[in-house]
Amino acid sequence: MKTILIVGGSKGIGKALVNTLKVDHNVIVMSRTEIASKANTKQYLLDVLKDELPEIDVLNGLVYCPGSINLKPFKRLTSEDFIEDFNINVLGAIRVLKKYEKSLSTQNGSVLLFSTVATQMGMPFHASVAVSKAGVEGLVKSLAAEYATKIRFNAIAPTVTNTPLAARLLRNEKQQEAMKDRHPLKQYLEPTEVASLAAYLLSDKAKSISGQIFPIDAGMVTLKI
């Protein structure tokens, strides 16, 4: 069985991915919140931005799920907002990758990060998150080239997903319907949809895929209906 590390696996997409993978994999979860079910999983309660990371000798896959939705007009965004989003989305991923690069490279492992549709289309109030997620995409492409024969790197760029992180965007029925109407397919995402794509990209079925950013966006970026 393969061993997959999921950073931020207690909520949202990370939680859905844990539930998807734990049937056939050894799953290690790192999060600040305790997971509800520990069947077929091992958890480290920690903050990957601050705490010491444990030694893991063998890793077949790594998924970094932490993210942010800090939506404000540019004139209200502070330098600290940009720094915080960059720390969460980019520097946290870099810290984890540096720790486990050797464990992954010895197994020809696979790494999956998360971007956003806001890097591909101009969206008001998204300056801070778009900047940090664009950094994630650059990191994926650079490291995919650097580790081409040792580790695969890919990212998923979802639209709004029904997770705790997006709760304030979907807090009532009116907002939910308005969000659906913004998308050509008249829907937003459920975490299980994103988790299914993530599981595929981590698997041997995707062994020839690296350096790619995969939008899952209910048609928002490319369709106009």
C-alpha atoms as a PDB file:
ATOM      1  CA  MET A   1       0.000   0.000   0.000  1.00  0.00           C
ATOM      2  CA  LYS A   2       1.179   3.491  -0.807  1.00  0.00           C
ATOM      3  CA  THR A   3       1.701   6.083   1.900  1.00  0.00           C
ATOM      4  CA  ILE A   4       0.167   9.496   1.245  1.00  0.00           C
ATOM      5  CA  LEU A   5       0.658  12.589   3.392  1.00  0.00           C
ATOM      6  CA  ILE A   6      -2.231  15.060   3.400  1.00  0.00           C
ATOM      7  CA  VAL A   7      -1.518  18.411   4.998  1.00  0.00           C
ATOM      8  CA  GLY A   8      -4.776  20.017   6.086  1.00  0.00           C
ATOM      9  CA  GLY A   9      -6.819  16.825   6.023  1.00  0.00           C
ATOM     10  CA  SER A  10      -9.378  17.606   8.714  1.00  0.00           C
ATOM     11  CA  LYS A  11     -11.774  19.781   6.709  1.00  0.00           C
ATOM     12  CA  GLY A  12     -13.111  20.441   3.238  1.00  0.00           C
ATOM     13  CA  ILE A  13     -11.273  19.014   0.250  1.00  0.00           C
ATOM     14  CA  GLY A  14      -8.545  17.531   2.437  1.00  0.00           C
ATOM     15  CA  LYS A  15     -11.072  15.636   4.541  1.00  0.00           C
ATOM     16  CA  ALA A  16     -12.835  14.338   1.409  1.00  0.00           C
ATOM     17  CA  LEU A  17      -9.497  13.172   0.028  1.00  0.00           C
ATOM     18  CA  VAL A  18      -8.610  11.381   3.270  1.00  0.00           C
ATOM     19  CA  ASN A  19     -11.916   9.508   3.085  1.00  0.00           C
ATOM     20  CA  THR A  20     -11.279   8.640  -0.565  1.00  0.00           C
ATOM     21  CA  LEU A  21      -7.710   7.400  -0.117  1.00  0.00           C
ATOM     22  CA  LYS A  22      -7.805   5.630   3.232  1.00  0.00           C
ATOM     23  CA  VAL A  23      -9.599   2.628   1.740  1.00  0.00           C
ATOM     24  CA  ASP A  24      -6.531   1.573  -0.267  1.00  0.00           C
ATOM     25  CA  HIS A  25      -3.662   3.645   1.159  1.00  0.00           C
ATOM     26  CA  ASN A  26      -1.798   4.394   4.323  1.00  0.00           C
ATOM     27  CA  VAL A  27      -2.823   7.987   4.982  1.00  0.00           C
ATOM     28  CA  ILE A  28      -0.929  10.431   7.198  1.00  0.00           C
ATOM     29  CA  VAL A  29      -2.776  13.604   8.149  1.00  0.00           C
ATOM     30  CA  MET A  30      -1.182  16.802   9.419  1.00  0.00           C
ATOM     31  CA  SER A  31      -3.636  19.392  10.691  1.00  0.00           C
ATOM     32  CA  ARG A  32      -4.405  21.716  13.560  1.00  0.00           C
ATOM     33  CA  THR A  33      -7.806  20.067  14.136  1.00  0.00           C
ATOM     34  CA  GLU A  34      -8.347  16.463  15.153  1.00  0.00           C
ATOM     35  CA  ILE A  35      -9.944  14.299  12.485  1.00  0.00           C
ATOM     36  CA  ALA A  36     -13.239  12.584  13.299  1.00  0.00           C
ATOM     37  CA  SER A  37     -12.292   9.077  12.181  1.00  0.00           C
ATOM     38  CA  LYS A  38      -8.804   7.644  12.476  1.00  0.00           C
ATOM     39  CA  ALA A  39      -9.491   4.345  10.722  1.00  0.00           C
ATOM     40  CA  ASN A  40      -6.541   3.539   8.431  1.00  0.00           C
ATOM     41  CA  THR A  41      -4.978   6.913   9.171  1.00  0.00           C
ATOM     42  CA  LYS A  42      -2.253   8.396  11.336  1.00  0.00           C
ATOM     43  CA  GLN A  43      -2.514  11.999  12.469  1.00  0.00           C
ATOM     44  CA  TYR A  44      -0.064  14.623  13.642  1.00  0.00           C
ATOM     45  CA  LEU A  45      -1.709  17.599  15.340  1.00  0.00           C
ATOM     46  CA  LEU A  46       0.494  20.546  14.396  1.00  0.00           C
ATOM     47  CA  ASP A  47       0.836  23.812  12.522  1.00  0.00           C
ATOM     48  CA  VAL A  48       3.066  23.225   9.498  1.00  0.00           C
ATOM     49  CA  LEU A  49       4.005  26.906   9.405  1.00  0.00           C
ATOM     50  CA  LYS A  50       5.479  26.863  12.907  1.00  0.00           C
ATOM     51  CA  ASP A  51       5.900  23.419  14.454  1.00  0.00           C
ATOM     52  CA  GLU A  52       8.642  20.863  13.942  1.00  0.00           C
ATOM     53  CA  LEU A  53       7.692  18.380  11.241  1.00  0.00           C
ATOM     54  CA  PRO A  54       8.033  14.660  12.009  1.00  0.00           C
ATOM     55  CA  GLU A  55      10.365  12.329  10.172  1.00  0.00           C
ATOM     56  CA  ILE A  56       8.672  10.214   7.487  1.00  0.00           C
ATOM     57  CA  ASP A  57      11.110   7.972   5.660  1.00  0.00           C
ATOM     58  CA  VAL A  58       8.868   6.689   2.865  1.00  0.00           C
ATOM     59  CA  LEU A  59       6.279   8.778   1.035  1.00  0.00           C
ATOM     60  CA  ASN A  60       4.552   7.973  -2.237  1.00  0.00           C
ATOM     61  CA  GLY A  61       2.478  11.122  -2.332  1.00  0.00           C
ATOM     62  CA  LEU A  62       2.030  14.511  -0.694  1.00  0.00           C
ATOM     63  CA  VAL A  63      -0.968  16.831  -0.863  1.00  0.00           C
ATOM     64  CA  TYR A  64      -0.866  20.366   0.546  1.00  0.00           C
ATOM     65  CA  CYS A  65      -4.420  21.585   1.127  1.00  0.00           C
ATOM     66  CA  PRO A  66      -4.181  24.733   3.311  1.00  0.00           C
ATOM     67  CA  GLY A  67      -5.441  27.837   1.583  1.00  0.00           C
ATOM     68  CA  SER A  68      -7.123  31.183   2.106  1.00  0.00           C
ATOM     69  CA  ILE A  69     -10.019  33.203   0.743  1.00  0.00           C
ATOM     70  CA  ASN A  70      -9.157  36.738   1.747  1.00  0.00           C
ATOM     71  CA  LEU A  71     -11.462  38.810  -0.444  1.00  0.00           C
ATOM     72  CA  LYS A  72     -11.118  42.570  -0.048  1.00  0.00           C
ATOM     73  CA  PRO A  73     -10.845  45.622  -2.289  1.00  0.00           C
ATOM     74  CA  PHE A  74      -7.203  46.344  -3.072  1.00  0.00           C
ATOM     75  CA  LYS A  75      -7.302  49.633  -1.161  1.00  0.00           C
ATOM     76  CA  ARG A  76      -8.261  47.722   1.994  1.00  0.00           C
ATOM     77  CA  LEU A  77      -5.650  44.990   1.616  1.00  0.00           C
ATOM     78  CA  THR A  78      -2.573  45.554   3.753  1.00  0.00           C
ATOM     79  CA  SER A  79       0.943  44.306   3.208  1.00  0.00           C
ATOM     80  CA  GLU A  80       0.286  41.943   6.098  1.00  0.00           C
ATOM     81  CA  ASP A  81      -2.688  40.444   4.212  1.00  0.00           C
ATOM     82  CA  PHE A  82      -0.450  39.646   1.241  1.00  0.00           C
ATOM     83  CA  ILE A  83       2.250  38.216   3.514  1.00  0.00           C
ATOM     84  CA  GLU A  84      -0.219  36.036   5.426  1.00  0.00           C
ATOM     85  CA  ASP A  85      -1.762  34.606   2.254  1.00  0.00           C
ATOM     86  CA  PHE A  86       1.688  33.958   0.778  1.00  0.00           C
ATOM     87  CA  ASN A  87       2.811  32.222   3.967  1.00  0.00           C
ATOM     88  CA  ILE A  88      -0.217  29.930   4.016  1.00  0.00           C
ATOM     89  CA  ASN A  89      -0.334  29.081   0.329  1.00  0.00           C
ATOM     90  CA  VAL A  90       3.304  29.132  -0.786  1.00  0.00           C
ATOM     91  CA  LEU A  91       5.831  29.164   2.044  1.00  0.00           C
ATOM     92  CA  GLY A  92       3.957  26.498   4.001  1.00  0.00           C
ATOM     93  CA  ALA A  93       4.037  24.225   0.964  1.00  0.00           C
ATOM     94  CA  ILE A  94       7.737  24.940   0.443  1.00  0.00           C
ATOM     95  CA  ARG A  95       8.515  24.120   4.084  1.00  0.00           C
ATOM     96  CA  VAL A  96       6.749  20.750   3.818  1.00  0.00           C
ATOM     97  CA  LEU A  97       8.316  19.955   0.446  1.00  0.00           C
ATOM     98  CA  LYS A  98      11.818  20.704   1.696  1.00  0.00           C
ATOM     99  CA  LYS A  99      11.252  18.386   4.647  1.00  0.00           C
ATOM    100  CA  TYR A 100       9.991  15.447   2.597  1.00  0.00           C
ATOM    101  CA  GLU A 101      11.740  15.913  -0.762  1.00  0.00           C
ATOM    102  CA  LYS A 102      14.089  12.989  -0.126  1.00  0.00           C
ATOM    103  CA  SER A 103      11.299  10.682   1.075  1.00  0.00           C
ATOM    104  CA  LEU A 104       9.330  11.431  -2.091  1.00  0.00           C
ATOM    105  CA  SER A 105      12.204  11.247  -4.572  1.00  0.00           C
ATOM    106  CA  THR A 106      13.261   7.765  -3.448  1.00  0.00           C
ATOM    107  CA  GLN A 107       9.740   6.509  -4.275  1.00  0.00           C
ATOM    108  CA  ASN A 108       9.155   8.451  -7.507  1.00  0.00           C
ATOM    109  CA  GLY A 109       6.407  10.196  -5.602  1.00  0.00           C
ATOM    110  CA  SER A 110       3.664  12.577  -6.604  1.00  0.00           C
ATOM    111  CA  VAL A 111       2.922  16.037  -5.172  1.00  0.00           C
ATOM    112  CA  LEU A 112      -0.382  17.857  -5.495  1.00  0.00           C
ATOM    113  CA  LEU A 113      -0.927  21.520  -4.629  1.00  0.00           C
ATOM    114  CA  PHE A 114      -3.974  23.766  -4.993  1.00  0.00           C
ATOM    115  CA  SER A 115      -4.455  26.939  -7.009  1.00  0.00           C
ATOM    116  CA  THR A 116      -7.650  28.812  -7.932  1.00  0.00           C
ATOM    117  CA  VAL A 117      -9.598  29.920 -10.990  1.00  0.00           C
ATOM    118  CA  ALA A 118      -8.706  33.492  -9.978  1.00  0.00           C
ATOM    119  CA  THR A 119      -5.217  33.064 -11.475  1.00  0.00           C
ATOM    120  CA  GLN A 120      -6.732  32.542 -14.938  1.00  0.00           C
ATOM    121  CA  MET A 121      -9.385  35.243 -14.990  1.00  0.00           C
ATOM    122  CA  GLY A 122      -9.496  38.711 -13.495  1.00  0.00           C
ATOM    123  CA  MET A 123     -11.796  38.735 -10.487  1.00  0.00           C
ATOM    124  CA  PRO A 124     -12.337  41.786  -8.283  1.00  0.00           C
ATOM    125  CA  PHE A 125     -11.262  41.581  -4.637  1.00  0.00           C
ATOM    126  CA  HIS A 126      -8.990  38.575  -5.345  1.00  0.00           C
ATOM    127  CA  ALA A 127      -5.627  40.366  -5.562  1.00  0.00           C
ATOM    128  CA  SER A 128      -4.033  38.754  -2.507  1.00  0.00           C
ATOM    129  CA  VAL A 129      -5.192  35.189  -3.075  1.00  0.00           C
ATOM    130  CA  ALA A 130      -4.504  35.398  -6.827  1.00  0.00           C
ATOM    131  CA  VAL A 131      -0.923  36.548  -6.190  1.00  0.00           C
ATOM    132  CA  SER A 132      -0.201  33.693  -3.790  1.00  0.00           C
ATOM    133  CA  LYS A 133      -1.885  31.036  -5.916  1.00  0.00           C
ATOM    134  CA  ALA A 134       0.004  32.227  -8.995  1.00  0.00           C
ATOM    135  CA  GLY A 135       3.108  31.549  -6.913  1.00  0.00           C
ATOM    136  CA  VAL A 136       1.840  28.020  -6.306  1.00  0.00           C
ATOM    137  CA  GLU A 137       1.474  27.473 -10.053  1.00  0.00           C
ATOM    138  CA  GLY A 138       4.982  28.751 -10.704  1.00  0.00           C
ATOM    139  CA  LEU A 139       6.330  26.448  -8.007  1.00  0.00           C
ATOM    140  CA  VAL A 140       4.569  23.444  -9.530  1.00  0.00           C
ATOM    141  CA  LYS A 141       5.975  24.047 -13.006  1.00  0.00           C
ATOM    142  CA  SER A 142       9.495  24.805 -11.812  1.00  0.00           C
ATOM    143  CA  LEU A 143       9.750  21.779  -9.531  1.00  0.00           C
ATOM    144  CA  ALA A 144       8.132  19.487 -12.104  1.00  0.00           C
ATOM    145  CA  ALA A 145      11.010  20.331 -14.436  1.00  0.00           C
ATOM    146  CA  GLU A 146      13.680  20.096 -11.754  1.00  0.00           C
ATOM    147  CA  TYR A 147      12.501  16.702 -10.462  1.00  0.00           C
ATOM    148  CA  ALA A 148      11.221  15.321 -13.765  1.00  0.00           C
ATOM    149  CA  THR A 149      12.571  11.799 -13.266  1.00  0.00           C
ATOM    150  CA  LYS A 150      11.998  11.651  -9.499  1.00  0.00           C
ATOM    151  CA  ILE A 151       8.801  13.429  -8.404  1.00  0.00           C
ATOM    152  CA  ARG A 152       5.669  14.504 -10.268  1.00  0.00           C
ATOM    153  CA  PHE A 153       4.161  17.901  -9.401  1.00  0.00           C
ATOM    154  CA  ASN A 154       0.645  19.028 -10.357  1.00  0.00           C
ATOM    155  CA  ALA A 155      -2.004  21.419  -9.077  1.00  0.00           C
ATOM    156  CA  ILE A 156      -5.782  21.639  -9.134  1.00  0.00           C
ATOM    157  CA  ALA A 157      -7.428  25.037  -9.594  1.00  0.00           C
ATOM    158  CA  PRO A 158     -11.005  24.772  -8.335  1.00  0.00           C
ATOM    159  CA  THR A 159     -13.793  27.293  -8.403  1.00  0.00           C
ATOM    160  CA  VAL A 160     -15.872  27.895  -5.264  1.00  0.00           C
ATOM    161  CA  THR A 161     -16.222  24.634  -3.358  1.00  0.00           C
ATOM    162  CA  ASN A 162     -18.696  23.851  -0.591  1.00  0.00           C
ATOM    163  CA  THR A 163     -16.191  23.793   2.262  1.00  0.00           C
ATOM    164  CA  PRO A 164     -15.835  25.627   5.600  1.00  0.00           C
ATOM    165  CA  LEU A 165     -13.337  27.964   3.924  1.00  0.00           C
ATOM    166  CA  ALA A 166     -16.044  29.178   1.528  1.00  0.00           C
ATOM    167  CA  ALA A 167     -18.876  29.156   4.068  1.00  0.00           C
ATOM    168  CA  ARG A 168     -19.376  32.925   4.074  1.00  0.00           C
ATOM    169  CA  LEU A 169     -19.763  32.899   0.282  1.00  0.00           C
ATOM    170  CA  LEU A 170     -22.514  30.256   0.509  1.00  0.00           C
ATOM    171  CA  ARG A 171     -24.122  31.181   3.817  1.00  0.00           C
ATOM    172  CA  ASN A 172     -27.727  31.255   2.644  1.00  0.00           C
ATOM    173  CA  GLU A 173     -29.919  29.948  -0.167  1.00  0.00           C
ATOM    174  CA  LYS A 174     -29.894  33.252  -2.048  1.00  0.00           C
ATOM    175  CA  GLN A 175     -26.088  33.338  -2.150  1.00  0.00           C
ATOM    176  CA  GLN A 176     -25.945  29.673  -3.130  1.00  0.00           C
ATOM    177  CA  GLU A 177     -28.269  30.239  -6.083  1.00  0.00           C
ATOM    178  CA  ALA A 178     -26.377  33.356  -7.131  1.00  0.00           C
ATOM    179  CA  MET A 179     -23.096  31.422  -7.037  1.00  0.00           C
ATOM    180  CA  LYS A 180     -24.562  28.667  -9.196  1.00  0.00           C
ATOM    181  CA  ASP A 181     -25.769  31.252 -11.715  1.00  0.00           C
ATOM    182  CA  ARG A 182     -22.224  32.644 -12.075  1.00  0.00           C
ATOM    183  CA  HIS A 183     -21.098  29.317 -13.550  1.00  0.00           C
ATOM    184  CA  PRO A 184     -22.082  28.086 -17.041  1.00  0.00           C
ATOM    185  CA  LEU A 185     -22.865  24.622 -15.645  1.00  0.00           C
ATOM    186  CA  LYS A 186     -25.082  26.243 -12.986  1.00  0.00           C
ATOM    187  CA  GLN A 187     -23.333  24.639 -10.079  1.00  0.00           C
ATOM    188  CA  TYR A 188     -20.397  25.075  -7.758  1.00  0.00           C
ATOM    189  CA  LEU A 189     -18.231  22.226  -6.484  1.00  0.00           C
ATOM    190  CA  GLU A 190     -18.550  19.639  -3.763  1.00  0.00           C
ATOM    191  CA  PRO A 191     -15.326  18.503  -2.034  1.00  0.00           C
ATOM    192  CA  THR A 192     -15.752  14.923  -3.273  1.00  0.00           C
ATOM    193  CA  GLU A 193     -15.496  16.100  -6.903  1.00  0.00           C
ATOM    194  CA  VAL A 194     -12.140  17.717  -6.278  1.00  0.00           C
ATOM    195  CA  ALA A 195     -10.977  14.754  -4.183  1.00  0.00           C
ATOM    196  CA  SER A 196     -11.709  12.374  -7.063  1.00  0.00           C
ATOM    197  CA  LEU A 197      -9.466  14.333  -9.417  1.00  0.00           C
ATOM    198  CA  ALA A 198      -6.798  14.584  -6.719  1.00  0.00           C
ATOM    199  CA  ALA A 199      -6.834  10.824  -6.139  1.00  0.00           C
ATOM    200  CA  TYR A 200      -6.393  10.236  -9.866  1.00  0.00           C
ATOM    201  CA  LEU A 201      -3.433  12.606 -10.136  1.00  0.00           C
ATOM    202  CA  LEU A 202      -1.730  10.851  -7.223  1.00  0.00           C
ATOM    203  CA  SER A 203      -2.233   7.422  -8.764  1.00  0.00           C
ATOM    204  CA  ASP A 204      -0.116   5.430 -11.219  1.00  0.00           C
ATOM    205  CA  LYS A 205      -2.810   6.067 -13.824  1.00  0.00           C
ATOM    206  CA  ALA A 206      -1.434   9.609 -14.020  1.00  0.00           C
ATOM    207  CA  LYS A 207       2.233   8.563 -14.152  1.00  0.00           C
ATOM    208  CA  SER A 208       2.832  10.580 -17.340  1.00  0.00           C
ATOM    209  CA  ILE A 209       1.267  13.789 -16.036  1.00  0.00           C
ATOM    210  CA  SER A 210       3.471  16.432 -14.401  1.00  0.00           C
ATOM    211  CA  GLY A 211       3.782  20.204 -14.355  1.00  0.00           C
ATOM    212  CA  GLN A 212       0.087  20.719 -15.074  1.00  0.00           C
ATOM    213  CA  ILE A 213      -2.585  22.955 -13.581  1.00  0.00           C
ATOM    214  CA  PHE A 214      -6.031  21.368 -13.768  1.00  0.00           C
ATOM    215  CA  PRO A 215      -9.038  23.707 -13.588  1.00  0.00           C
ATOM    216  CA  ILE A 216     -12.241  22.243 -12.206  1.00  0.00           C
ATOM    217  CA  ASP A 217     -14.514  25.217 -12.541  1.00  0.00           C
ATOM    218  CA  ALA A 218     -18.041  24.345 -13.754  1.00  0.00           C
ATOM    219  CA  GLY A 219     -17.111  26.099 -17.013  1.00  0.00           C
ATOM    220  CA  MET A 220     -16.331  29.473 -15.461  1.00  0.00           C
ATOM    221  CA  VAL A 221     -12.972  30.143 -17.131  1.00  0.00           C
ATOM    222  CA  THR A 222     -13.528  28.908 -20.684  1.00  0.00           C
ATOM    223  CA  LEU A 223     -17.274  28.854 -21.341  1.00  0.00           C
ATOM    224  CA  LYS A 224     -19.611  31.754 -22.045  1.00  0.00           C
ATOM    225  CA  ILE A 225     -23.248  30.797 -22.367  1.00  0.00           C
END
